[in-house]
PDB file of all heavy atoms in Angstrom:
ATOM      1  N   SER A   1      -9.354  -0.264   6.293  1.00  0.00           N
ATOM      2  CA  SER A   1      -9.883   1.098   6.369  1.00  0.00           C
ATOM      3  C   SER A   1      -9.361   1.821   7.610  1.00  0.00           C
ATOM      4  O   SER A   1      -8.932   2.985   7.536  1.00  0.00           O
ATOM      5  CB  SER A   1     -11.406   1.053   6.388  1.00  0.00           C
ATOM      6  OG  SER A   1     -11.956   2.358   6.512  1.00  0.00           O
ATOM      7  N   ALA A   2      -9.367   1.125   8.753  1.00  0.00           N
ATOM      8  CA  ALA A   2      -8.865   1.729   9.989  1.00  0.00           C
ATOM      9  C   ALA A   2      -7.377   2.045   9.877  1.00  0.00           C
ATOM     10  O   ALA A   2      -6.903   3.089  10.353  1.00  0.00           O
ATOM     11  CB  ALA A   2      -9.131   0.796  11.163  1.00  0.00           C
ATOM     12  N   LEU A   3      -6.626   1.158   9.248  1.00  0.00           N
ATOM     13  CA  LEU A   3      -5.194   1.379   9.044  1.00  0.00           C
ATOM     14  C   LEU A   3      -4.961   2.643   8.219  1.00  0.00           C
ATOM     15  O   LEU A   3      -4.141   3.497   8.600  1.00  0.00           O
ATOM     16  CB  LEU A   3      -4.579   0.163   8.348  1.00  0.00           C
ATOM     17  CG  LEU A   3      -3.125   0.309   7.892  1.00  0.00           C
ATOM     18  CD1 LEU A   3      -2.193   0.416   9.087  1.00  0.00           C
ATOM     19  CD2 LEU A   3      -2.723  -0.882   7.001  1.00  0.00           C
ATOM     20  N   ARG A   4      -5.672   2.772   7.117  1.00  0.00           N
ATOM     21  CA  ARG A   4      -5.478   3.935   6.240  1.00  0.00           C
ATOM     22  C   ARG A   4      -5.797   5.237   6.976  1.00  0.00           C
ATOM     23  O   ARG A   4      -5.112   6.256   6.781  1.00  0.00           O
ATOM     24  CB  ARG A   4      -6.337   3.805   4.985  1.00  0.00           C
ATOM     25  CG  ARG A   4      -5.973   2.630   4.101  1.00  0.00           C
ATOM     26  CD  ARG A   4      -6.716   2.659   2.776  1.00  0.00           C
ATOM     27  NE  ARG A   4      -6.151   3.662   1.879  1.00  0.00           N
ATOM     28  CZ  ARG A   4      -6.529   3.808   0.603  1.00  0.00           C
ATOM     29  NH1 ARG A   4      -7.460   3.006   0.092  1.00  0.00           N
ATOM     30  NH2 ARG A   4      -5.985   4.731  -0.150  1.00  0.00           N
ATOM     31  N   ASN A   5      -6.812   5.184   7.823  1.00  0.00           N
ATOM     32  CA  ASN A   5      -7.187   6.390   8.563  1.00  0.00           C
ATOM     33  C   ASN A   5      -6.145   6.794   9.600  1.00  0.00           C
ATOM     34  O   ASN A   5      -6.074   7.964   9.981  1.00  0.00           O
ATOM     35  CB  ASN A   5      -8.544   6.183   9.251  1.00  0.00           C
ATOM     36  CG  ASN A   5      -9.700   6.138   8.266  1.00  0.00           C
ATOM     37  OD1 ASN A   5      -9.618   6.680   7.161  1.00  0.00           O
ATOM     38  ND2 ASN A   5     -10.784   5.500   8.658  1.00  0.00           N
ATOM     39  N   ARG A   6      -5.325   5.832  10.057  1.00  0.00           N
ATOM     40  CA  ARG A   6      -4.313   6.117  11.072  1.00  0.00           C
ATOM     41  C   ARG A   6      -2.994   6.603  10.488  1.00  0.00           C
ATOM     42  O   ARG A   6      -2.173   7.186  11.211  1.00  0.00           O
ATOM     43  CB  ARG A   6      -4.049   4.856  11.913  1.00  0.00           C
ATOM     44  CG  ARG A   6      -5.046   4.602  13.010  1.00  0.00           C
ATOM     45  CD  ARG A   6      -4.806   5.484  14.235  1.00  0.00           C
ATOM     46  NE  ARG A   6      -3.559   5.177  14.904  1.00  0.00           N
ATOM     47  CZ  ARG A   6      -3.398   4.216  15.808  1.00  0.00           C
ATOM     48  NH1 ARG A   6      -4.439   3.440  16.128  1.00  0.00           N
ATOM     49  NH2 ARG A   6      -2.237   4.016  16.383  1.00  0.00           N
ATOM     50  N   LEU A   7      -2.751   6.335   9.224  1.00  0.00           N
ATOM     51  CA  LEU A   7      -1.417   6.562   8.670  1.00  0.00           C
ATOM     52  C   LEU A   7      -1.021   8.031   8.637  1.00  0.00           C
ATOM     53  O   LEU A   7       0.095   8.394   9.036  1.00  0.00           O
ATOM     54  CB  LEU A   7      -1.314   5.943   7.274  1.00  0.00           C
ATOM     55  CG  LEU A   7      -1.430   4.417   7.220  1.00  0.00           C
ATOM     56  CD1 LEU A   7      -1.356   3.927   5.788  1.00  0.00           C
ATOM     57  CD2 LEU A   7      -0.343   3.765   8.080  1.00  0.00           C
ATOM     58  N   ILE A   8      -1.899   8.896   8.164  1.00  0.00           N
ATOM     59  CA  ILE A   8      -1.547  10.318   8.063  1.00  0.00           C
ATOM     60  C   ILE A   8      -1.322  10.937   9.440  1.00  0.00           C
ATOM     61  O   ILE A   8      -0.293  11.605   9.666  1.00  0.00           O
ATOM     62  CB  ILE A   8      -2.617  11.089   7.261  1.00  0.00           C
ATOM     63  CG1 ILE A   8      -2.578  10.640   5.790  1.00  0.00           C
ATOM     64  CG2 ILE A   8      -2.376  12.596   7.352  1.00  0.00           C
ATOM     65  CD1 ILE A   8      -3.624  11.310   4.917  1.00  0.00           C
ATOM     66  N   PRO A   9      -2.240  10.739  10.423  1.00  0.00           N
ATOM     67  CA  PRO A   9      -1.966  11.293  11.758  1.00  0.00           C
ATOM     68  C   PRO A   9      -0.666  10.787  12.376  1.00  0.00           C
ATOM     69  O   PRO A   9      -0.039  11.494  13.181  1.00  0.00           O
ATOM     70  CB  PRO A   9      -3.184  10.841  12.574  1.00  0.00           C
ATOM     71  CG  PRO A   9      -4.261  10.625  11.581  1.00  0.00           C
ATOM     72  CD  PRO A   9      -3.572  10.123  10.355  1.00  0.00           C
ATOM     73  N   GLU A  10      -0.245   9.573  12.022  1.00  0.00           N
ATOM     74  CA  GLU A  10       0.980   9.007  12.581  1.00  0.00           C
ATOM     75  C   GLU A  10       2.217   9.368  11.775  1.00  0.00           C
ATOM     76  O   GLU A  10       3.326   8.930  12.092  1.00  0.00           O
ATOM     77  CB  GLU A  10       0.859   7.479  12.659  1.00  0.00           C
ATOM     78  CG  GLU A  10      -0.218   6.973  13.596  1.00  0.00           C
ATOM     79  CD  GLU A  10       0.120   7.176  15.055  1.00  0.00           C
ATOM     80  OE1 GLU A  10       1.296   7.489  15.365  1.00  0.00           O
ATOM     81  OE2 GLU A  10      -0.779   7.036  15.901  1.00  0.00           O
ATOM     82  N   GLY A  11       2.054  10.151  10.710  1.00  0.00           N
ATOM     83  CA  GLY A  11       3.187  10.521   9.874  1.00  0.00           C
ATOM     84  C   GLY A  11       3.687   9.397   8.982  1.00  0.00           C
ATOM     85  O   GLY A  11       4.868   9.364   8.625  1.00  0.00           O
ATOM     86  N   LEU A  12       2.778   8.487   8.616  1.00  0.00           N
ATOM     87  CA  LEU A  12       3.156   7.307   7.840  1.00  0.00           C
ATOM     88  C   LEU A  12       2.456   7.256   6.489  1.00  0.00           C
ATOM     89  O   LEU A  12       2.304   6.186   5.901  1.00  0.00           O
ATOM     90  CB  LEU A  12       2.817   6.036   8.633  1.00  0.00           C
ATOM     91  CG  LEU A  12       3.514   5.880   9.986  1.00  0.00           C
ATOM     92  CD1 LEU A  12       2.925   4.706  10.754  1.00  0.00           C
ATOM     93  CD2 LEU A  12       5.014   5.695   9.802  1.00  0.00           C
ATOM     94  N   ALA A  13       2.048   8.393   5.994  1.00  0.00           N
ATOM     95  CA  ALA A  13       1.327   8.421   4.720  1.00  0.00           C
ATOM     96  C   ALA A  13       2.224   7.945   3.580  1.00  0.00           C
ATOM     97  O   ALA A  13       3.452   8.068   3.633  1.00  0.00           O
ATOM     98  CB  ALA A  13       0.827   9.830   4.439  1.00  0.00           C
ATOM     99  N   GLY A  14       1.607   7.386   2.570  1.00  0.00           N
ATOM    100  CA  GLY A  14       2.336   6.920   1.397  1.00  0.00           C
ATOM    101  C   GLY A  14       1.385   6.412   0.349  1.00  0.00           C
ATOM    102  O   GLY A  14       0.172   6.642   0.423  1.00  0.00           O
ATOM    103  N   GLU A  15       1.917   5.727  -0.623  1.00  0.00           N
ATOM    104  CA  GLU A  15       1.085   5.171  -1.689  1.00  0.00           C
ATOM    105  C   GLU A  15       0.503   3.833  -1.234  1.00  0.00           C
ATOM    106  O   GLU A  15       1.203   3.006  -0.647  1.00  0.00           O
ATOM    107  CB  GLU A  15       1.912   4.990  -2.957  1.00  0.00           C
ATOM    108  CG  GLU A  15       1.059   4.634  -4.168  1.00  0.00           C
ATOM    109  CD  GLU A  15       1.803   4.800  -5.474  1.00  0.00           C
ATOM    110  OE1 GLU A  15       2.854   5.486  -5.488  1.00  0.00           O
ATOM    111  OE2 GLU A  15       1.331   4.255  -6.492  1.00  0.00           O
ATOM    112  N   PHE A  16      -0.779   3.631  -1.519  1.00  0.00           N
ATOM    113  CA  PHE A  16      -1.523   2.458  -1.063  1.00  0.00           C
ATOM    114  C   PHE A  16      -2.007   1.710  -2.296  1.00  0.00           C
ATOM    115  O   PHE A  16      -2.814   2.230  -3.074  1.00  0.00           O
ATOM    116  CB  PHE A  16      -2.719   2.919  -0.220  1.00  0.00           C
ATOM    117  CG  PHE A  16      -3.008   2.066   0.970  1.00  0.00           C
ATOM    118  CD1 PHE A  16      -2.318   2.242   2.160  1.00  0.00           C
ATOM    119  CD2 PHE A  16      -3.982   1.092   0.916  1.00  0.00           C
ATOM    120  CE1 PHE A  16      -2.603   1.473   3.282  1.00  0.00           C
ATOM    121  CE2 PHE A  16      -4.279   0.323   2.017  1.00  0.00           C
ATOM    122  CZ  PHE A  16      -3.583   0.502   3.217  1.00  0.00           C
ATOM    123  N   VAL A  17      -1.513   0.480  -2.510  1.00  0.00           N
ATOM    124  CA  VAL A  17      -1.831  -0.279  -3.719  1.00  0.00           C
ATOM    125  C   VAL A  17      -2.436  -1.618  -3.326  1.00  0.00           C
ATOM    126  O   VAL A  17      -1.863  -2.363  -2.521  1.00  0.00           O
ATOM    127  CB  VAL A  17      -0.565  -0.507  -4.571  1.00  0.00           C
ATOM    128  CG1 VAL A  17      -0.899  -1.352  -5.797  1.00  0.00           C
ATOM    129  CG2 VAL A  17       0.046   0.819  -4.982  1.00  0.00           C
ATOM    130  N   PHE A  18      -3.596  -1.936  -3.900  1.00  0.00           N
ATOM    131  CA  PHE A  18      -4.221  -3.230  -3.679  1.00  0.00           C
ATOM    132  C   PHE A  18      -3.772  -4.194  -4.763  1.00  0.00           C
ATOM    133  O   PHE A  18      -3.915  -3.907  -5.955  1.00  0.00           O
ATOM    134  CB  PHE A  18      -5.748  -3.117  -3.697  1.00  0.00           C
ATOM    135  CG  PHE A  18      -6.307  -2.466  -2.471  1.00  0.00           C
ATOM    136  CD1 PHE A  18      -6.416  -1.079  -2.392  1.00  0.00           C
ATOM    137  CD2 PHE A  18      -6.710  -3.228  -1.383  1.00  0.00           C
ATOM    138  CE1 PHE A  18      -6.921  -0.471  -1.263  1.00  0.00           C
ATOM    139  CE2 PHE A  18      -7.218  -2.629  -0.243  1.00  0.00           C
ATOM    140  CZ  PHE A  18      -7.318  -1.247  -0.180  1.00  0.00           C
ATOM    141  N   ARG A  19      -3.198  -5.311  -4.341  1.00  0.00           N
ATOM    142  CA  ARG A  19      -2.811  -6.341  -5.307  1.00  0.00           C
ATOM    143  C   ARG A  19      -4.052  -7.031  -5.838  1.00  0.00           C
ATOM    144  O   ARG A  19      -4.898  -7.483  -5.066  1.00  0.00           O
ATOM    145  CB  ARG A  19      -1.881  -7.353  -4.652  1.00  0.00           C
ATOM    146  CG  ARG A  19      -1.521  -8.495  -5.589  1.00  0.00           C
ATOM    147  CD  ARG A  19      -0.416  -9.346  -5.056  1.00  0.00           C
ATOM    148  NE  ARG A  19      -0.768 -10.117  -3.877  1.00  0.00           N
ATOM    149  CZ  ARG A  19      -0.111 -11.214  -3.503  1.00  0.00           C
ATOM    150  NH1 ARG A  19       0.919 -11.637  -4.207  1.00  0.00           N
ATOM    151  NH2 ARG A  19      -0.449 -11.854  -2.415  1.00  0.00           N
ATOM    152  N   THR A  20      -4.173  -7.134  -7.138  1.00  0.00           N
ATOM    153  CA  THR A  20      -5.296  -7.849  -7.730  1.00  0.00           C
ATOM    154  C   THR A  20      -5.019  -9.356  -7.701  1.00  0.00           C
ATOM    155  O   THR A  20      -3.856  -9.775  -7.650  1.00  0.00           O
ATOM    156  CB  THR A  20      -5.542  -7.403  -9.179  1.00  0.00           C
ATOM    157  OG1 THR A  20      -4.352  -7.644  -9.955  1.00  0.00           O
ATOM    158  CG2 THR A  20      -5.874  -5.917  -9.224  1.00  0.00           C
ATOM    159  N   PRO A  21      -6.055 -10.194  -7.685  1.00  0.00           N
ATOM    160  CA  PRO A  21      -5.838 -11.648  -7.653  1.00  0.00           C
ATOM    161  C   PRO A  21      -4.919 -12.107  -8.782  1.00  0.00           C
ATOM    162  O   PRO A  21      -5.112 -11.753  -9.943  1.00  0.00           O
ATOM    163  CB  PRO A  21      -7.256 -12.211  -7.817  1.00  0.00           C
ATOM    164  CG  PRO A  21      -8.145 -11.149  -7.242  1.00  0.00           C
ATOM    165  CD  PRO A  21      -7.499  -9.848  -7.635  1.00  0.00           C
ATOM    166  N   GLY A  22      -3.895 -12.845  -8.429  1.00  0.00           N
ATOM    167  CA  GLY A  22      -2.946 -13.355  -9.405  1.00  0.00           C
ATOM    168  C   GLY A  22      -1.826 -12.404  -9.758  1.00  0.00           C
ATOM    169  O   GLY A  22      -0.883 -12.781 -10.462  1.00  0.00           O
ATOM    170  N   GLN A  23      -1.891 -11.175  -9.287  1.00  0.00           N
ATOM    171  CA  GLN A  23      -0.844 -10.201  -9.596  1.00  0.00           C
ATOM    172  C   GLN A  23       0.400 -10.458  -8.749  1.00  0.00           C
ATOM    173  O   GLN A  23       0.302 -10.757  -7.562  1.00  0.00           O
ATOM    174  CB  GLN A  23      -1.359  -8.783  -9.346  1.00  0.00           C
ATOM    175  CG  GLN A  23      -0.388  -7.685  -9.760  1.00  0.00           C
ATOM    176  CD  GLN A  23      -0.973  -6.305  -9.531  1.00  0.00           C
ATOM    177  OE1 GLN A  23      -1.810  -6.111  -8.653  1.00  0.00           O
ATOM    178  NE2 GLN A  23      -0.550  -5.328 -10.328  1.00  0.00           N
ATOM    179  N   SER A  24       1.554 -10.327  -9.343  1.00  0.00           N
ATOM    180  CA  SER A  24       2.812 -10.553  -8.634  1.00  0.00           C
ATOM    181  C   SER A  24       3.115  -9.389  -7.704  1.00  0.00           C
ATOM    182  O   SER A  24       3.187  -8.231  -8.137  1.00  0.00           O
ATOM    183  CB  SER A  24       3.952 -10.725  -9.632  1.00  0.00           C
ATOM    184  OG  SER A  24       5.201 -10.666  -8.977  1.00  0.00           O
ATOM    185  N   ALA A  25       3.290  -9.700  -6.431  1.00  0.00           N
ATOM    186  CA  ALA A  25       3.702  -8.665  -5.482  1.00  0.00           C
ATOM    187  C   ALA A  25       5.114  -8.189  -5.784  1.00  0.00           C
ATOM    188  O   ALA A  25       5.461  -7.032  -5.528  1.00  0.00           O
ATOM    189  CB  ALA A  25       3.605  -9.200  -4.061  1.00  0.00           C
ATOM    190  N   GLY A  26       5.943  -9.091  -6.327  1.00  0.00           N
ATOM    191  CA  GLY A  26       7.299  -8.714  -6.676  1.00  0.00           C
ATOM    192  C   GLY A  26       7.359  -7.617  -7.718  1.00  0.00           C
ATOM    193  O   GLY A  26       8.219  -6.726  -7.653  1.00  0.00           O
ATOM    194  N   VAL A  27       6.448  -7.658  -8.689  1.00  0.00           N
ATOM    195  CA  VAL A  27       6.405  -6.618  -9.722  1.00  0.00           C
ATOM    196  C   VAL A  27       6.049  -5.275  -9.097  1.00  0.00           C
ATOM    197  O   VAL A  27       6.637  -4.233  -9.437  1.00  0.00           O
ATOM    198  CB  VAL A  27       5.392  -6.997 -10.815  1.00  0.00           C
ATOM    199  CG1 VAL A  27       5.153  -5.832 -11.772  1.00  0.00           C
ATOM    200  CG2 VAL A  27       5.876  -8.213 -11.596  1.00  0.00           C
ATOM    201  N   LEU A  28       5.100  -5.277  -8.176  1.00  0.00           N
ATOM    202  CA  LEU A  28       4.733  -4.038  -7.484  1.00  0.00           C
ATOM    203  C   LEU A  28       5.905  -3.521  -6.654  1.00  0.00           C
ATOM    204  O   LEU A  28       6.159  -2.313  -6.607  1.00  0.00           O
ATOM    205  CB  LEU A  28       3.520  -4.288  -6.589  1.00  0.00           C
ATOM    206  CG  LEU A  28       2.208  -4.623  -7.309  1.00  0.00           C
ATOM    207  CD1 LEU A  28       1.125  -4.988  -6.304  1.00  0.00           C
ATOM    208  CD2 LEU A  28       1.750  -3.453  -8.174  1.00  0.00           C
ATOM    209  N   ALA A  29       6.620  -4.432  -6.002  1.00  0.00           N
ATOM    210  CA  ALA A  29       7.782  -4.018  -5.209  1.00  0.00           C
ATOM    211  C   ALA A  29       8.868  -3.432  -6.095  1.00  0.00           C
ATOM    212  O   ALA A  29       9.504  -2.434  -5.731  1.00  0.00           O
ATOM    213  CB  ALA A  29       8.314  -5.205  -4.424  1.00  0.00           C
ATOM    214  N   ASP A  30       9.101  -4.045  -7.241  1.00  0.00           N
ATOM    215  CA  ASP A  30      10.111  -3.519  -8.171  1.00  0.00           C
ATOM    216  C   ASP A  30       9.747  -2.101  -8.624  1.00  0.00           C
ATOM    217  O   ASP A  30      10.611  -1.234  -8.752  1.00  0.00           O
ATOM    218  CB  ASP A  30      10.236  -4.438  -9.390  1.00  0.00           C
ATOM    219  CG  ASP A  30      10.919  -5.759  -9.060  1.00  0.00           C
ATOM    220  OD1 ASP A  30      11.578  -5.845  -8.002  1.00  0.00           O
ATOM    221  OD2 ASP A  30      10.768  -6.704  -9.861  1.00  0.00           O
ATOM    222  N   LYS A  31       8.457  -1.873  -8.845  1.00  0.00           N
ATOM    223  CA  LYS A  31       7.990  -0.533  -9.225  1.00  0.00           C
ATOM    224  C   LYS A  31       8.284   0.464  -8.115  1.00  0.00           C
ATOM    225  O   LYS A  31       8.760   1.574  -8.368  1.00  0.00           O
ATOM    226  CB  LYS A  31       6.498  -0.575  -9.531  1.00  0.00           C
ATOM    227  CG  LYS A  31       5.877   0.777  -9.856  1.00  0.00           C
ATOM    228  CD  LYS A  31       4.380   0.650 -10.086  1.00  0.00           C
ATOM    229  CE  LYS A  31       3.742   2.016 -10.314  1.00  0.00           C
ATOM    230  NZ  LYS A  31       2.269   1.911 -10.484  1.00  0.00           N
ATOM    231  N   ALA A  32       8.001   0.051  -6.872  1.00  0.00           N
ATOM    232  CA  ALA A  32       8.254   0.937  -5.736  1.00  0.00           C
ATOM    233  C   ALA A  32       9.738   1.233  -5.583  1.00  0.00           C
ATOM    234  O   ALA A  32      10.131   2.377  -5.299  1.00  0.00           O
ATOM    235  CB  ALA A  32       7.704   0.302  -4.461  1.00  0.00           C
TER     236      ALA A  32
END
């Protein structure tokens, strides 16, 4: 939560995705 609140003021805003249990991070990276 603290990280998300800092991103916009620091110019680091972007898409924030929570990996669900068992979900492949590689698939999310390929999408990105």
